[in-house]
Structures are given as C-alpha cells and as structure tokens.
Amino acid sequence: MELSSVLDLLQWPAMAASVLAAWLVASNHQPRRNAGFWVFLASNVLWTAWGWHDGAWALIALQVALAALNIRGVAKTEQPLSPDGDTRPVARP
C-alpha cells in the first residue's frame, strides 16, 4: 500500500478519535474528561496530517486552534482537587 493511500485512510481514525473524545469530555467523571482532552489532541494530530497530505489548509488552521483549546482543557482538568475530594478546582489566592 502506498503512503498516499495510508494518508487517505487517516481521516477515519481521526473521525473516530474525535467522536470518542467528545464522548469522554462530556463525562461527569474528571479523569474521563481529562482523557478526552488528550484524545482530542491525538485527533488534532491525525487531522493535521491528513489535511497536510490533502492540502486542506483551513482544516489545519482549525486543528491548531482546537489544539490550543484542548491544551487549555487539559490544564483545567488537571488542577488539584480540594482536600475533601470535591471535583471543583481548588481556589487559588
């Protein structure tokens, strides 16, 4: 199988990763939400690779913007929990 054919197929795992990530981010369970942002970042990489191969420059620009939001999501979901185990972020002075 040629590299071009393999790159054409990247859109399918990218789509599956995007759907899985959206499902995880919608969870009430903080570790699942966190995992969702990481899966979204993986999908951003896959979509960017496919977009580069296909010349889809607007898609690449979108993935860069979404990756920035996903990095923000990772940072927000990895904040320490309050001492009583509450899932809301600890207030910082």
Protein backbone atom coordinates (compact mmCIF):
# COMPACT_ATOMS: atom_id res chain seq x y z
CA MET A 1 0.00 0.00 0.00
CA GLU A 2 1.38 3.41 -0.97
CA LEU A 3 1.99 6.16 1.58
CA SER A 4 -0.63 8.28 -0.18
CA SER A 5 -3.26 5.59 0.36
CA VAL A 6 -2.34 5.26 4.02
CA LEU A 7 -2.61 9.02 4.48
CA ASP A 8 -6.01 8.98 2.76
CA LEU A 9 -7.18 6.50 5.38
CA LEU A 10 -6.12 8.75 8.30
CA GLN A 11 -9.43 10.56 8.16
CA TRP A 12 -11.23 7.52 9.61
CA PRO A 13 -9.20 7.10 12.82
CA ALA A 14 -9.20 10.91 13.13
CA MET A 15 -13.00 10.91 12.98
CA ALA A 16 -13.29 8.02 15.45
CA ALA A 17 -10.89 9.73 17.87
CA SER A 18 -12.88 12.98 17.62
CA VAL A 19 -16.15 11.21 18.44
CA LEU A 20 -14.59 9.26 21.33
CA ALA A 21 -13.01 12.43 22.71
CA ALA A 22 -16.31 14.32 22.60
CA TRP A 23 -17.97 11.47 24.50
CA LEU A 24 -15.21 11.45 27.13
CA VAL A 25 -15.18 15.24 27.58
CA ALA A 26 -18.93 15.16 28.27
CA SER A 27 -18.39 12.82 31.24
CA ASN A 28 -19.09 13.88 34.82
CA HIS A 29 -16.03 11.88 35.88
CA GLN A 30 -12.96 14.16 35.95
CA PRO A 31 -10.37 11.55 34.81
CA ARG A 32 -12.53 10.70 31.77
CA ARG A 33 -12.84 14.39 30.90
CA ASN A 34 -9.08 14.74 31.16
CA ALA A 35 -8.56 11.68 28.93
CA GLY A 36 -10.99 13.20 26.44
CA PHE A 37 -8.82 16.27 26.01
CA TRP A 38 -5.79 14.06 25.38
CA VAL A 39 -7.74 12.03 22.81
CA PHE A 40 -8.83 15.31 21.18
CA LEU A 41 -5.15 16.29 20.94
CA ALA A 42 -4.40 12.98 19.22
CA SER A 43 -7.25 13.63 16.79
CA ASN A 44 -5.82 17.11 16.12
CA VAL A 45 -2.53 15.48 15.08
CA LEU A 46 -4.32 12.96 12.84
CA TRP A 47 -6.48 15.62 11.18
CA THR A 48 -3.44 17.83 10.65
CA ALA A 49 -1.51 15.01 8.98
CA TRP A 50 -4.46 14.22 6.74
CA GLY A 51 -5.04 17.90 5.97
CA TRP A 52 -1.37 18.43 5.07
CA HIS A 53 -1.48 15.49 2.69
CA ASP A 54 -4.72 16.70 1.13
CA GLY A 55 -3.81 20.40 1.05
CA ALA A 56 -6.69 21.30 3.39
CA TRP A 57 -5.10 24.42 4.87
CA ALA A 58 -8.26 25.70 6.57
CA LEU A 59 -8.62 22.32 8.31
CA ILE A 60 -5.03 22.60 9.55
CA ALA A 61 -5.68 26.11 10.87
CA LEU A 62 -8.81 24.82 12.63
CA GLN A 63 -6.85 21.95 14.20
CA VAL A 64 -4.19 24.34 15.52
CA ALA A 65 -6.92 26.50 17.12
CA LEU A 66 -8.69 23.45 18.55
CA ALA A 67 -5.41 22.06 19.87
CA ALA A 68 -4.87 25.31 21.78
CA LEU A 69 -8.33 24.93 23.33
CA ASN A 70 -7.65 21.28 24.13
CA ILE A 71 -4.36 22.17 25.83
CA ARG A 72 -6.34 24.67 27.90
CA GLY A 73 -8.84 21.89 28.71
CA VAL A 74 -6.04 19.56 29.82
CA ALA A 75 -4.63 22.27 32.08
CA LYS A 76 -8.02 22.98 33.63
CA THR A 77 -8.90 19.32 34.25
CA GLU A 78 -5.51 18.51 35.78
CA GLN A 79 -5.85 21.15 38.51
CA PRO A 80 -5.57 19.75 42.03
CA LEU A 81 -8.75 18.73 43.79
CA SER A 82 -9.87 20.27 47.03
CA PRO A 83 -8.85 18.44 50.25
CA ASP A 84 -12.33 16.93 50.67
CA GLY A 85 -12.17 15.33 47.19
CA ASP A 86 -14.54 17.80 45.57
CA THR A 87 -14.12 17.74 41.79
CA ARG A 88 -14.24 21.54 41.52
CA PRO A 89 -10.82 23.17 41.16
CA VAL A 90 -9.20 24.49 44.29
CA ALA A 91 -9.42 28.27 44.59
CA ARG A 92 -6.00 29.79 44.25
CA PRO A 93 -5.03 33.03 46.01
